[in-house]
Amino acid sequence: MTVGSESLRRDVYKILPLLTASVSSGTYTHPNDTNEHDVLEFTADTQDIFISLDVNALTQPTEIREYEKIADTYRQISCKTYPDDFDSGTKAITIYFKQKNKDYKVTLKSTVAEGASRDIPYVYRTDGKV
């Protein structure tokens, strides 16, 4: 194989996930309570997931948790509190997850009730693996 064809193969592997990417967007309405609520849930697949949450409307500390299903039970794999665990002035949160054929979900839980329900716009991209 020549150097030129090796370079071409590397370029194809870089853009291939983009060709199988799927982009979705919507709005999650966060209730005025202190219960934990599912925001996004992904069924078992092998893919990269890129999520952006617009948290500008939140007025109270809120926990953002990630879960992966292991042996038919969701297990928490991360928890960060907005705004405490993020840079000052953060109004959007990005999450990357490499899904390996297990269910995955993101939840929100206000530590203090918001006073009203809050709309949280989101966008996510899944890059399927071939």
N, C-alpha and C. Protein backbone atom coordinates (compact mmCIF):
# COMPACT_ATOMS: atom_id res chain seq x y z
N MET A 1 0.83 -1.16 0.00
CA MET A 1 0.00 0.00 0.00
C MET A 1 0.89 1.24 0.00
N THR A 2 0.55 2.25 -0.78
CA THR A 2 1.36 3.45 -0.85
C THR A 2 0.98 4.44 0.24
N VAL A 3 1.85 5.41 0.46
CA VAL A 3 1.61 6.42 1.49
C VAL A 3 0.32 7.17 1.21
N GLY A 4 0.05 7.51 -0.03
CA GLY A 4 -1.16 8.25 -0.40
C GLY A 4 -2.42 7.49 -0.03
N SER A 5 -2.45 6.19 -0.28
CA SER A 5 -3.64 5.41 0.04
C SER A 5 -3.81 5.25 1.55
N GLU A 6 -2.73 5.21 2.31
CA GLU A 6 -2.81 5.14 3.77
C GLU A 6 -3.42 6.43 4.31
N SER A 7 -3.02 7.55 3.75
CA SER A 7 -3.57 8.84 4.16
C SER A 7 -5.06 8.91 3.84
N LEU A 8 -5.44 8.42 2.68
CA LEU A 8 -6.84 8.41 2.29
C LEU A 8 -7.66 7.54 3.24
N ARG A 9 -7.13 6.40 3.61
CA ARG A 9 -7.84 5.51 4.53
C ARG A 9 -8.04 6.19 5.89
N ARG A 10 -7.02 6.88 6.39
CA ARG A 10 -7.16 7.61 7.66
C ARG A 10 -8.25 8.68 7.56
N ASP A 11 -8.29 9.38 6.43
CA ASP A 11 -9.30 10.42 6.23
C ASP A 11 -10.71 9.81 6.20
N VAL A 12 -10.86 8.67 5.55
CA VAL A 12 -12.16 8.00 5.47
C VAL A 12 -12.61 7.61 6.88
N TYR A 13 -11.70 7.08 7.70
CA TYR A 13 -12.07 6.69 9.06
C TYR A 13 -12.44 7.90 9.92
N LYS A 14 -11.90 9.07 9.60
CA LYS A 14 -12.25 10.28 10.33
C LYS A 14 -13.66 10.76 9.99
N ILE A 15 -14.05 10.66 8.72
CA ILE A 15 -15.35 11.19 8.33
C ILE A 15 -16.47 10.16 8.37
N LEU A 16 -16.14 8.89 8.41
CA LEU A 16 -17.17 7.84 8.41
C LEU A 16 -18.19 8.00 9.54
N PRO A 17 -17.77 8.29 10.79
CA PRO A 17 -18.78 8.48 11.83
C PRO A 17 -19.72 9.64 11.54
N LEU A 18 -19.23 10.67 10.88
CA LEU A 18 -20.09 11.81 10.55
C LEU A 18 -21.17 11.42 9.55
N LEU A 19 -20.87 10.46 8.70
CA LEU A 19 -21.86 10.01 7.72
C LEU A 19 -22.97 9.20 8.36
N THR A 20 -22.69 8.60 9.51
CA THR A 20 -23.70 7.80 10.20
C THR A 20 -24.29 8.55 11.39
N ALA A 21 -23.94 9.85 11.53
CA ALA A 21 -24.41 10.64 12.67
C ALA A 21 -25.89 10.97 12.55
N SER A 22 -26.52 11.06 13.69
CA SER A 22 -27.92 11.46 13.78
C SER A 22 -28.00 12.60 14.79
N VAL A 23 -28.64 13.71 14.41
CA VAL A 23 -28.78 14.87 15.29
C VAL A 23 -30.24 15.04 15.66
N SER A 24 -30.50 15.24 16.95
CA SER A 24 -31.86 15.46 17.44
C SER A 24 -31.84 16.63 18.41
N SER A 25 -32.96 17.31 18.52
CA SER A 25 -33.07 18.40 19.48
C SER A 25 -34.48 18.44 20.04
N GLY A 26 -34.63 19.11 21.15
CA GLY A 26 -35.94 19.22 21.78
C GLY A 26 -35.83 20.05 23.04
N THR A 27 -36.86 20.00 23.84
CA THR A 27 -36.89 20.72 25.12
C THR A 27 -37.42 19.78 26.19
N TYR A 28 -36.68 19.70 27.27
CA TYR A 28 -37.10 18.96 28.45
C TYR A 28 -37.66 19.98 29.44
N THR A 29 -38.84 19.74 29.98
CA THR A 29 -39.41 20.63 30.98
C THR A 29 -39.14 20.05 32.36
N HIS A 30 -38.30 20.76 33.10
CA HIS A 30 -37.90 20.31 34.44
C HIS A 30 -38.96 20.74 35.45
N PRO A 31 -39.58 19.78 36.16
CA PRO A 31 -40.66 20.12 37.10
C PRO A 31 -40.18 20.93 38.31
N ASN A 32 -41.11 21.58 38.95
CA ASN A 32 -40.84 22.36 40.16
C ASN A 32 -40.90 21.45 41.38
N ASP A 33 -39.88 20.59 41.52
CA ASP A 33 -39.80 19.69 42.67
C ASP A 33 -38.35 19.31 42.91
N THR A 34 -38.12 18.43 43.84
CA THR A 34 -36.75 17.99 44.13
C THR A 34 -36.56 16.50 43.83
N ASN A 35 -37.41 15.95 42.97
CA ASN A 35 -37.26 14.55 42.55
C ASN A 35 -36.29 14.45 41.38
N GLU A 36 -35.73 13.28 41.19
CA GLU A 36 -34.86 13.04 40.05
C GLU A 36 -35.72 12.66 38.85
N HIS A 37 -35.42 13.27 37.68
CA HIS A 37 -36.20 13.03 36.47
C HIS A 37 -35.28 12.70 35.29
N ASP A 38 -35.72 11.73 34.47
CA ASP A 38 -34.98 11.39 33.26
C ASP A 38 -35.11 12.52 32.25
N VAL A 39 -33.98 12.93 31.67
CA VAL A 39 -33.97 13.95 30.63
C VAL A 39 -33.85 13.27 29.26
N LEU A 40 -32.84 12.44 29.10
CA LEU A 40 -32.62 11.70 27.86
C LEU A 40 -32.25 10.26 28.20
N GLU A 41 -32.76 9.33 27.40
CA GLU A 41 -32.45 7.91 27.60
C GLU A 41 -32.14 7.30 26.24
N PHE A 42 -31.09 6.48 26.20
CA PHE A 42 -30.65 5.84 24.97
C PHE A 42 -30.64 4.33 25.17
N THR A 43 -31.29 3.61 24.28
CA THR A 43 -31.28 2.15 24.37
C THR A 43 -29.92 1.63 23.94
N ALA A 44 -29.63 0.40 24.32
CA ALA A 44 -28.33 -0.19 24.08
C ALA A 44 -27.92 -0.06 22.62
N ASP A 45 -26.71 0.40 22.40
CA ASP A 45 -26.15 0.58 21.07
C ASP A 45 -24.64 0.75 21.25
N THR A 46 -23.92 0.75 20.15
CA THR A 46 -22.50 1.06 20.18
C THR A 46 -22.32 2.33 19.39
N GLN A 47 -22.12 3.45 20.12
CA GLN A 47 -22.05 4.75 19.48
C GLN A 47 -21.45 5.78 20.43
N ASP A 48 -21.03 6.89 19.86
CA ASP A 48 -20.61 8.04 20.65
C ASP A 48 -21.81 8.97 20.76
N ILE A 49 -22.04 9.51 21.95
CA ILE A 49 -23.16 10.41 22.19
C ILE A 49 -22.60 11.76 22.66
N PHE A 50 -23.01 12.83 21.99
CA PHE A 50 -22.61 14.18 22.33
C PHE A 50 -23.88 14.95 22.68
N ILE A 51 -23.99 15.42 23.93
CA ILE A 51 -25.20 16.09 24.41
C ILE A 51 -24.85 17.51 24.84
N SER A 52 -25.72 18.47 24.49
CA SER A 52 -25.61 19.83 25.00
C SER A 52 -26.94 20.20 25.64
N LEU A 53 -26.88 20.64 26.90
CA LEU A 53 -28.06 21.08 27.63
C LEU A 53 -27.94 22.59 27.89
N ASP A 54 -28.97 23.36 27.54
CA ASP A 54 -29.00 24.79 27.81
C ASP A 54 -29.64 24.98 29.19
N VAL A 55 -28.82 25.25 30.20
CA VAL A 55 -29.31 25.33 31.58
C VAL A 55 -29.52 26.77 32.05
N ASN A 56 -29.62 27.68 31.11
CA ASN A 56 -29.78 29.10 31.43
C ASN A 56 -31.00 29.36 32.31
N ALA A 57 -32.07 28.58 32.15
CA ALA A 57 -33.32 28.83 32.90
C ALA A 57 -33.26 28.36 34.35
N LEU A 58 -32.27 27.52 34.69
CA LEU A 58 -32.20 27.01 36.07
C LEU A 58 -31.80 28.12 37.03
N THR A 59 -32.48 28.15 38.18
CA THR A 59 -32.19 29.18 39.19
C THR A 59 -31.67 28.58 40.49
N GLN A 60 -31.73 27.26 40.62
CA GLN A 60 -31.33 26.57 41.85
C GLN A 60 -30.26 25.53 41.52
N PRO A 61 -29.45 25.14 42.51
CA PRO A 61 -28.48 24.07 42.28
C PRO A 61 -29.20 22.80 41.80
N THR A 62 -28.67 22.20 40.76
CA THR A 62 -29.29 21.03 40.15
C THR A 62 -28.23 19.98 39.88
N GLU A 63 -28.51 18.74 40.26
CA GLU A 63 -27.58 17.64 40.01
C GLU A 63 -27.85 17.06 38.62
N ILE A 64 -26.79 16.89 37.85
CA ILE A 64 -26.85 16.25 36.54
C ILE A 64 -26.16 14.91 36.70
N ARG A 65 -26.92 13.84 36.50
CA ARG A 65 -26.38 12.49 36.73
C ARG A 65 -26.41 11.68 35.44
N GLU A 66 -25.42 10.80 35.32
CA GLU A 66 -25.37 9.86 34.20
C GLU A 66 -25.47 8.45 34.77
N TYR A 67 -26.18 7.60 34.03
CA TYR A 67 -26.36 6.20 34.43
C TYR A 67 -26.10 5.29 33.24
N GLU A 68 -25.56 4.12 33.55
CA GLU A 68 -25.40 3.07 32.55
C GLU A 68 -26.03 1.81 33.13
N LYS A 69 -26.75 1.09 32.28
CA LYS A 69 -27.40 -0.14 32.75
C LYS A 69 -26.39 -1.28 32.74
N ILE A 70 -26.21 -1.86 33.93
CA ILE A 70 -25.28 -2.97 34.11
C ILE A 70 -26.07 -4.09 34.77
N ALA A 71 -26.09 -5.27 34.16
CA ALA A 71 -26.83 -6.42 34.69
C ALA A 71 -28.28 -6.04 34.96
N ASP A 72 -28.92 -5.38 33.99
CA ASP A 72 -30.34 -5.01 34.05
C ASP A 72 -30.70 -3.98 35.11
N THR A 73 -29.71 -3.29 35.67
CA THR A 73 -29.97 -2.26 36.67
C THR A 73 -29.16 -1.01 36.32
N TYR A 74 -29.83 0.16 36.34
CA TYR A 74 -29.10 1.40 36.09
C TYR A 74 -28.17 1.69 37.26
N ARG A 75 -26.90 1.96 36.95
CA ARG A 75 -25.88 2.29 37.95
C ARG A 75 -25.37 3.70 37.64
N GLN A 76 -25.33 4.54 38.66
CA GLN A 76 -24.85 5.91 38.47
C GLN A 76 -23.36 5.89 38.17
N ILE A 77 -22.96 6.64 37.12
CA ILE A 77 -21.55 6.69 36.75
C ILE A 77 -20.96 8.09 36.93
N SER A 78 -21.82 9.11 37.09
CA SER A 78 -21.31 10.44 37.39
C SER A 78 -22.41 11.30 37.98
N CYS A 79 -21.99 12.33 38.72
CA CYS A 79 -22.92 13.31 39.27
C CYS A 79 -22.16 14.62 39.45
N LYS A 80 -22.68 15.68 38.84
CA LYS A 80 -22.13 17.02 39.01
C LYS A 80 -23.27 17.95 39.35
N THR A 81 -22.96 18.97 40.14
CA THR A 81 -23.98 19.94 40.54
C THR A 81 -23.79 21.23 39.76
N TYR A 82 -24.86 21.65 39.09
CA TYR A 82 -24.85 22.94 38.44
C TYR A 82 -25.35 23.96 39.44
N PRO A 83 -24.71 25.08 39.68
CA PRO A 83 -23.53 25.58 39.00
C PRO A 83 -22.22 25.26 39.70
N ASP A 84 -22.24 24.59 40.84
CA ASP A 84 -21.03 24.42 41.66
C ASP A 84 -19.87 23.71 40.98
N ASP A 85 -20.14 22.66 40.23
CA ASP A 85 -19.06 21.86 39.64
C ASP A 85 -18.70 22.31 38.22
N PHE A 86 -19.18 23.48 37.82
CA PHE A 86 -18.91 24.00 36.48
C PHE A 86 -18.29 25.39 36.60
N ASP A 87 -17.62 25.82 35.54
CA ASP A 87 -17.02 27.14 35.54
C ASP A 87 -18.07 28.23 35.76
N SER A 88 -17.68 29.30 36.44
CA SER A 88 -18.57 30.43 36.69
C SER A 88 -19.09 30.97 35.36
N GLY A 89 -20.39 31.25 35.32
CA GLY A 89 -20.98 31.79 34.10
C GLY A 89 -21.45 30.74 33.11
N THR A 90 -21.24 29.46 33.42
CA THR A 90 -21.66 28.38 32.51
C THR A 90 -23.17 28.40 32.36
N LYS A 91 -23.64 28.39 31.12
CA LYS A 91 -25.08 28.35 30.84
C LYS A 91 -25.44 27.18 29.94
N ALA A 92 -24.45 26.45 29.48
CA ALA A 92 -24.69 25.25 28.67
C ALA A 92 -23.73 24.17 29.17
N ILE A 93 -24.24 22.96 29.23
CA ILE A 93 -23.45 21.83 29.70
C ILE A 93 -23.33 20.82 28.56
N THR A 94 -22.12 20.37 28.32
CA THR A 94 -21.91 19.35 27.29
C THR A 94 -21.49 18.05 27.96
N ILE A 95 -21.99 16.97 27.42
CA ILE A 95 -21.69 15.64 27.93
C ILE A 95 -21.29 14.77 26.74
N TYR A 96 -20.22 14.03 26.92
CA TYR A 96 -19.81 13.04 25.92
C TYR A 96 -19.83 11.67 26.59
N PHE A 97 -20.39 10.69 25.90
CA PHE A 97 -20.42 9.34 26.42
C PHE A 97 -20.17 8.36 25.29
N LYS A 98 -19.29 7.40 25.53
CA LYS A 98 -19.00 6.34 24.56
C LYS A 98 -19.85 5.12 24.96
N GLN A 99 -20.98 4.98 24.31
CA GLN A 99 -21.92 3.91 24.64
C GLN A 99 -21.41 2.58 24.07
N LYS A 100 -21.40 1.56 24.93
CA LYS A 100 -20.88 0.24 24.54
C LYS A 100 -21.94 -0.83 24.73
N ASN A 101 -23.01 -0.72 23.94
CA ASN A 101 -24.09 -1.70 23.91
C ASN A 101 -24.78 -1.89 25.26
N LYS A 102 -24.92 -0.79 26.01
CA LYS A 102 -25.67 -0.78 27.26
C LYS A 102 -26.58 0.44 27.25
N ASP A 103 -27.74 0.33 27.90
CA ASP A 103 -28.62 1.49 28.03
C ASP A 103 -27.90 2.59 28.80
N TYR A 104 -28.24 3.83 28.48
CA TYR A 104 -27.60 5.00 29.07
C TYR A 104 -28.65 6.09 29.25
N LYS A 105 -28.55 6.86 30.35
CA LYS A 105 -29.49 7.97 30.52
C LYS A 105 -28.84 9.10 31.31
N VAL A 106 -29.44 10.29 31.14
CA VAL A 106 -29.04 11.50 31.85
C VAL A 106 -30.27 11.98 32.63
N THR A 107 -30.07 12.36 33.90
CA THR A 107 -31.17 12.84 34.73
C THR A 107 -30.82 14.20 35.33
N LEU A 108 -31.86 14.91 35.76
CA LEU A 108 -31.69 16.15 36.52
C LEU A 108 -32.46 16.03 37.83
N LYS A 109 -31.90 16.63 38.88
CA LYS A 109 -32.55 16.65 40.20
C LYS A 109 -32.21 17.97 40.87
N SER A 110 -33.21 18.81 41.06
CA SER A 110 -32.99 20.07 41.77
C SER A 110 -32.82 19.78 43.25
N THR A 111 -31.84 20.44 43.87
CA THR A 111 -31.66 20.27 45.31
C THR A 111 -32.62 21.17 46.09
N VAL A 112 -33.12 22.22 45.41
CA VAL A 112 -34.15 23.12 45.95
C VAL A 112 -35.15 23.32 44.83
N ALA A 113 -36.44 23.30 45.13
CA ALA A 113 -37.45 23.50 44.09
C ALA A 113 -37.22 24.83 43.37
N GLU A 114 -37.44 24.84 42.07
CA GLU A 114 -37.19 26.00 41.22
C GLU A 114 -38.19 27.13 41.42
N GLY A 115 -39.38 26.85 41.93
CA GLY A 115 -40.42 27.86 42.05
C GLY A 115 -41.39 27.82 40.88
N ALA A 116 -40.97 27.18 39.79
CA ALA A 116 -41.80 26.99 38.59
C ALA A 116 -41.08 25.95 37.73
N SER A 117 -41.80 25.33 36.82
CA SER A 117 -41.13 24.40 35.90
C SER A 117 -40.21 25.22 34.99
N ARG A 118 -39.14 24.60 34.53
CA ARG A 118 -38.13 25.28 33.70
C ARG A 118 -37.88 24.49 32.43
N ASP A 119 -37.88 25.19 31.31
CA ASP A 119 -37.58 24.55 30.02
C ASP A 119 -36.08 24.48 29.80
N ILE A 120 -35.60 23.28 29.47
CA ILE A 120 -34.19 23.03 29.22
C ILE A 120 -34.04 22.54 27.77
N PRO A 121 -33.72 23.44 26.84
CA PRO A 121 -33.48 22.99 25.46
C PRO A 121 -32.24 22.10 25.41
N TYR A 122 -32.26 21.13 24.51
CA TYR A 122 -31.12 20.24 24.35
C TYR A 122 -30.93 19.91 22.87
N VAL A 123 -29.73 19.48 22.57
CA VAL A 123 -29.42 18.91 21.26
C VAL A 123 -28.45 17.77 21.52
N TYR A 124 -28.61 16.68 20.78
CA TYR A 124 -27.63 15.61 20.90
C TYR A 124 -27.35 15.01 19.53
N ARG A 125 -26.13 14.50 19.43
CA ARG A 125 -25.70 13.82 18.19
C ARG A 125 -25.19 12.45 18.57
N THR A 126 -25.64 11.46 17.84
CA THR A 126 -25.11 10.11 18.03
C THR A 126 -24.35 9.73 16.77
N ASP A 127 -23.13 9.27 16.97
CA ASP A 127 -22.29 8.82 15.87
C ASP A 127 -22.22 7.30 15.95
N GLY A 128 -22.94 6.65 15.07
CA GLY A 128 -22.96 5.20 15.07
C GLY A 128 -21.65 4.61 14.65
N LYS A 129 -21.36 3.45 15.14
CA LYS A 129 -20.13 2.72 14.79
C LYS A 129 -20.47 1.65 13.77
N VAL A 130 -19.64 1.53 12.78
CA VAL A 130 -19.88 0.52 11.73
C VAL A 130 -18.83 -0.55 11.79
